[in-house]
Amino acid sequence: HEMGHCFQAQMQSAAWRKAHPDAPNWDHWIALANKKFKGRGKEAGITTYAEKNPAERFCESFAAALLDPKGLANIAPEAYKFMHQMMPSAVPPLEEMRKLALSKDPRFRSRRN
């Protein structure tokens, strides 16, 4: 979770935008939060702490993407897709994760099952 705050700080910087012009940045996360994480029909946070604010949702989602990707994919698919865009080599595409989630591979067993 705390590494997510470090990553968040990087995403907010001008250096990040310059070095990664096509990568998601903090403004993209805030836009997603305003569209998908608020109001009626909103996507659930991966934890109750994620509901606190967009920064904590990002950090909880960041940690879950690395530690419990199946859980994040099942509970918060929009947050999962964002994490995949941000870290494509570490987080498989959503459809691939859903296939892995159906498999018996213990590496992708959710802690929530």
C-alpha atoms as a PDB file:
ATOM      1  CA  HIS A   1       0.000   0.000   0.000  1.00  0.00           C
ATOM      2  CA  GLU A   2       2.699   2.506   0.952  1.00  0.00           C
ATOM      3  CA  MET A   3       4.556   1.812  -2.299  1.00  0.00           C
ATOM      4  CA  GLY A   4       1.353   2.910  -4.004  1.00  0.00           C
ATOM      5  CA  HIS A   5       1.752   6.341  -2.408  1.00  0.00           C
ATOM      6  CA  CYS A   6       5.286   6.541  -3.842  1.00  0.00           C
ATOM      7  CA  PHE A   7       3.997   5.530  -7.258  1.00  0.00           C
ATOM      8  CA  GLN A   8       1.175   8.055  -6.931  1.00  0.00           C
ATOM      9  CA  ALA A   9       3.664  10.863  -6.241  1.00  0.00           C
ATOM     10  CA  GLN A  10       5.600   9.900  -9.351  1.00  0.00           C
ATOM     11  CA  MET A  11       2.436   9.882 -11.467  1.00  0.00           C
ATOM     12  CA  GLN A  12       1.641  13.416 -10.318  1.00  0.00           C
ATOM     13  CA  SER A  13       5.008  14.779 -11.415  1.00  0.00           C
ATOM     14  CA  ALA A  14       5.845  16.586 -14.628  1.00  0.00           C
ATOM     15  CA  ALA A  15       8.844  14.286 -14.996  1.00  0.00           C
ATOM     16  CA  TRP A  16       6.509  11.261 -15.141  1.00  0.00           C
ATOM     17  CA  ARG A  17       4.399  12.861 -17.857  1.00  0.00           C
ATOM     18  CA  LYS A  18       7.478  13.732 -19.861  1.00  0.00           C
ATOM     19  CA  ALA A  19       9.104  10.305 -19.488  1.00  0.00           C
ATOM     20  CA  HIS A  20       5.855   8.369 -20.028  1.00  0.00           C
ATOM     21  CA  PRO A  21       3.638  10.515 -22.275  1.00  0.00           C
ATOM     22  CA  ASP A  22       1.353   7.625 -23.236  1.00  0.00           C
ATOM     23  CA  ALA A  23       1.106   6.074 -19.762  1.00  0.00           C
ATOM     24  CA  PRO A  24      -1.735   6.757 -17.353  1.00  0.00           C
ATOM     25  CA  ASN A  25      -1.080   9.618 -14.971  1.00  0.00           C
ATOM     26  CA  TRP A  26      -2.767  10.936 -11.850  1.00  0.00           C
ATOM     27  CA  ASP A  27      -5.283  13.015 -13.811  1.00  0.00           C
ATOM     28  CA  HIS A  28      -6.433   9.828 -15.541  1.00  0.00           C
ATOM     29  CA  TRP A  29      -6.972   8.122 -12.173  1.00  0.00           C
ATOM     30  CA  ILE A  30      -8.972  11.091 -10.848  1.00  0.00           C
ATOM     31  CA  ALA A  31     -11.113  11.098 -14.007  1.00  0.00           C
ATOM     32  CA  LEU A  32     -11.766   7.368 -13.558  1.00  0.00           C
ATOM     33  CA  ALA A  33     -12.556   7.917  -9.884  1.00  0.00           C
ATOM     34  CA  ASN A  34     -15.064  10.642 -10.712  1.00  0.00           C
ATOM     35  CA  LYS A  35     -16.700   8.533 -13.410  1.00  0.00           C
ATOM     36  CA  LYS A  36     -16.713   5.022 -11.929  1.00  0.00           C
ATOM     37  CA  PHE A  37     -16.128   5.242  -8.192  1.00  0.00           C
ATOM     38  CA  LYS A  38     -18.737   7.788  -7.116  1.00  0.00           C
ATOM     39  CA  GLY A  39     -22.492   7.827  -6.896  1.00  0.00           C
ATOM     40  CA  ARG A  40     -25.109   5.316  -7.847  1.00  0.00           C
ATOM     41  CA  GLY A  41     -23.857   2.102  -9.407  1.00  0.00           C
ATOM     42  CA  LYS A  42     -20.278   2.858  -8.402  1.00  0.00           C
ATOM     43  CA  GLU A  43     -17.606   0.207  -8.490  1.00  0.00           C
ATOM     44  CA  ALA A  44     -16.739  -1.154  -5.061  1.00  0.00           C
ATOM     45  CA  GLY A  45     -13.337  -0.503  -3.579  1.00  0.00           C
ATOM     46  CA  ILE A  46     -11.072  -3.484  -3.020  1.00  0.00           C
ATOM     47  CA  THR A  47     -11.224  -2.699   0.732  1.00  0.00           C
ATOM     48  CA  THR A  48     -13.327  -0.436   2.899  1.00  0.00           C
ATOM     49  CA  TYR A  49     -10.256   1.784   3.343  1.00  0.00           C
ATOM     50  CA  ALA A  50     -10.222   2.286  -0.425  1.00  0.00           C
ATOM     51  CA  GLU A  51     -13.513   4.136  -0.063  1.00  0.00           C
ATOM     52  CA  LYS A  52     -11.811   6.915   1.919  1.00  0.00           C
ATOM     53  CA  ASN A  53     -10.604   8.960  -1.078  1.00  0.00           C
ATOM     54  CA  PRO A  54      -9.087   8.516  -4.565  1.00  0.00           C
ATOM     55  CA  ALA A  55      -5.520   8.384  -3.211  1.00  0.00           C
ATOM     56  CA  GLU A  56      -6.283   5.548  -0.803  1.00  0.00           C
ATOM     57  CA  ARG A  57      -8.313   3.738  -3.467  1.00  0.00           C
ATOM     58  CA  PHE A  58      -5.322   3.969  -5.774  1.00  0.00           C
ATOM     59  CA  CYS A  59      -2.949   2.602  -3.130  1.00  0.00           C
ATOM     60  CA  GLU A  60      -5.260  -0.229  -2.107  1.00  0.00           C
ATOM     61  CA  SER A  61      -5.792  -1.098  -5.789  1.00  0.00           C
ATOM     62  CA  PHE A  62      -2.043  -0.900  -6.470  1.00  0.00           C
ATOM     63  CA  ALA A  63      -1.313  -3.316  -3.624  1.00  0.00           C
ATOM     64  CA  ALA A  64      -4.118  -5.656  -4.682  1.00  0.00           C
ATOM     65  CA  ALA A  65      -2.951  -5.668  -8.305  1.00  0.00           C
ATOM     66  CA  LEU A  66       0.366  -7.061  -7.137  1.00  0.00           C
ATOM     67  CA  LEU A  67      -0.730  -9.204  -4.174  1.00  0.00           C
ATOM     68  CA  ASP A  68      -4.276 -10.304  -5.054  1.00  0.00           C
ATOM     69  CA  PRO A  69      -4.862  -9.623  -8.749  1.00  0.00           C
ATOM     70  CA  LYS A  70      -7.755 -12.084  -8.965  1.00  0.00           C
ATOM     71  CA  GLY A  71      -9.544 -10.344  -6.115  1.00  0.00           C
ATOM     72  CA  LEU A  72      -9.043  -6.917  -7.685  1.00  0.00           C
ATOM     73  CA  ALA A  73     -10.217  -8.181 -11.083  1.00  0.00           C
ATOM     74  CA  ASN A  74     -13.372  -9.624  -9.536  1.00  0.00           C
ATOM     75  CA  ILE A  75     -14.243  -6.799  -7.148  1.00  0.00           C
ATOM     76  CA  ALA A  76     -13.008  -3.703  -8.997  1.00  0.00           C
ATOM     77  CA  PRO A  77     -12.486  -4.422 -12.717  1.00  0.00           C
ATOM     78  CA  GLU A  78     -12.122  -0.761 -13.714  1.00  0.00           C
ATOM     79  CA  ALA A  79      -9.387  -0.247 -11.129  1.00  0.00           C
ATOM     80  CA  TYR A  80      -7.785  -3.501 -12.321  1.00  0.00           C
ATOM     81  CA  LYS A  81      -7.770  -2.302 -15.942  1.00  0.00           C
ATOM     82  CA  PHE A  82      -6.113   0.954 -14.876  1.00  0.00           C
ATOM     83  CA  MET A  83      -3.404  -0.969 -13.000  1.00  0.00           C
ATOM     84  CA  HIS A  84      -2.830  -3.113 -16.099  1.00  0.00           C
ATOM     85  CA  GLN A  85      -2.421   0.010 -18.239  1.00  0.00           C
ATOM     86  CA  MET A  86       0.006   1.420 -15.708  1.00  0.00           C
ATOM     87  CA  MET A  87       2.009  -1.801 -15.168  1.00  0.00           C
ATOM     88  CA  PRO A  88       1.362  -4.069 -18.173  1.00  0.00           C
ATOM     89  CA  SER A  89       4.347  -6.323 -17.496  1.00  0.00           C
ATOM     90  CA  ALA A  90       3.235  -6.976 -13.896  1.00  0.00           C
ATOM     91  CA  VAL A  91      -0.556  -7.083 -14.254  1.00  0.00           C
ATOM     92  CA  PRO A  92      -2.070  -9.302 -16.977  1.00  0.00           C
ATOM     93  CA  PRO A  93      -4.990  -8.006 -19.070  1.00  0.00           C
ATOM     94  CA  LEU A  94      -8.365  -8.368 -17.348  1.00  0.00           C
ATOM     95  CA  GLU A  95      -9.639 -11.161 -19.612  1.00  0.00           C
ATOM     96  CA  GLU A  96      -6.432 -13.133 -19.109  1.00  0.00           C
ATOM     97  CA  MET A  97      -6.728 -12.734 -15.347  1.00  0.00           C
ATOM     98  CA  ARG A  98     -10.341 -13.896 -15.465  1.00  0.00           C
ATOM     99  CA  LYS A  99      -9.211 -17.059 -17.291  1.00  0.00           C
ATOM    100  CA  LEU A 100      -6.451 -17.600 -14.738  1.00  0.00           C
ATOM    101  CA  ALA A 101      -8.972 -17.068 -11.957  1.00  0.00           C
ATOM    102  CA  LEU A 102     -10.998 -19.974 -13.297  1.00  0.00           C
ATOM    103  CA  SER A 103      -7.936 -22.192 -13.409  1.00  0.00           C
ATOM    104  CA  LYS A 104      -6.686 -24.169 -10.454  1.00  0.00           C
ATOM    105  CA  ASP A 105      -3.311 -22.397 -10.556  1.00  0.00           C
ATOM    106  CA  PRO A 106      -2.531 -21.595  -6.895  1.00  0.00           C
ATOM    107  CA  ARG A 107      -0.580 -18.446  -7.880  1.00  0.00           C
ATOM    108  CA  PHE A 108      -3.887 -16.842  -8.782  1.00  0.00           C
ATOM    109  CA  ARG A 109      -6.034 -18.042  -5.890  1.00  0.00           C
ATOM    110  CA  SER A 110      -7.730 -15.054  -4.355  1.00  0.00           C
ATOM    111  CA  ARG A 111      -7.404 -14.494  -0.645  1.00  0.00           C
ATOM    112  CA  ARG A 112     -11.126 -13.763  -0.720  1.00  0.00           C
ATOM    113  CA  ASN A 113     -12.127 -17.280  -1.823  1.00  0.00           C
END
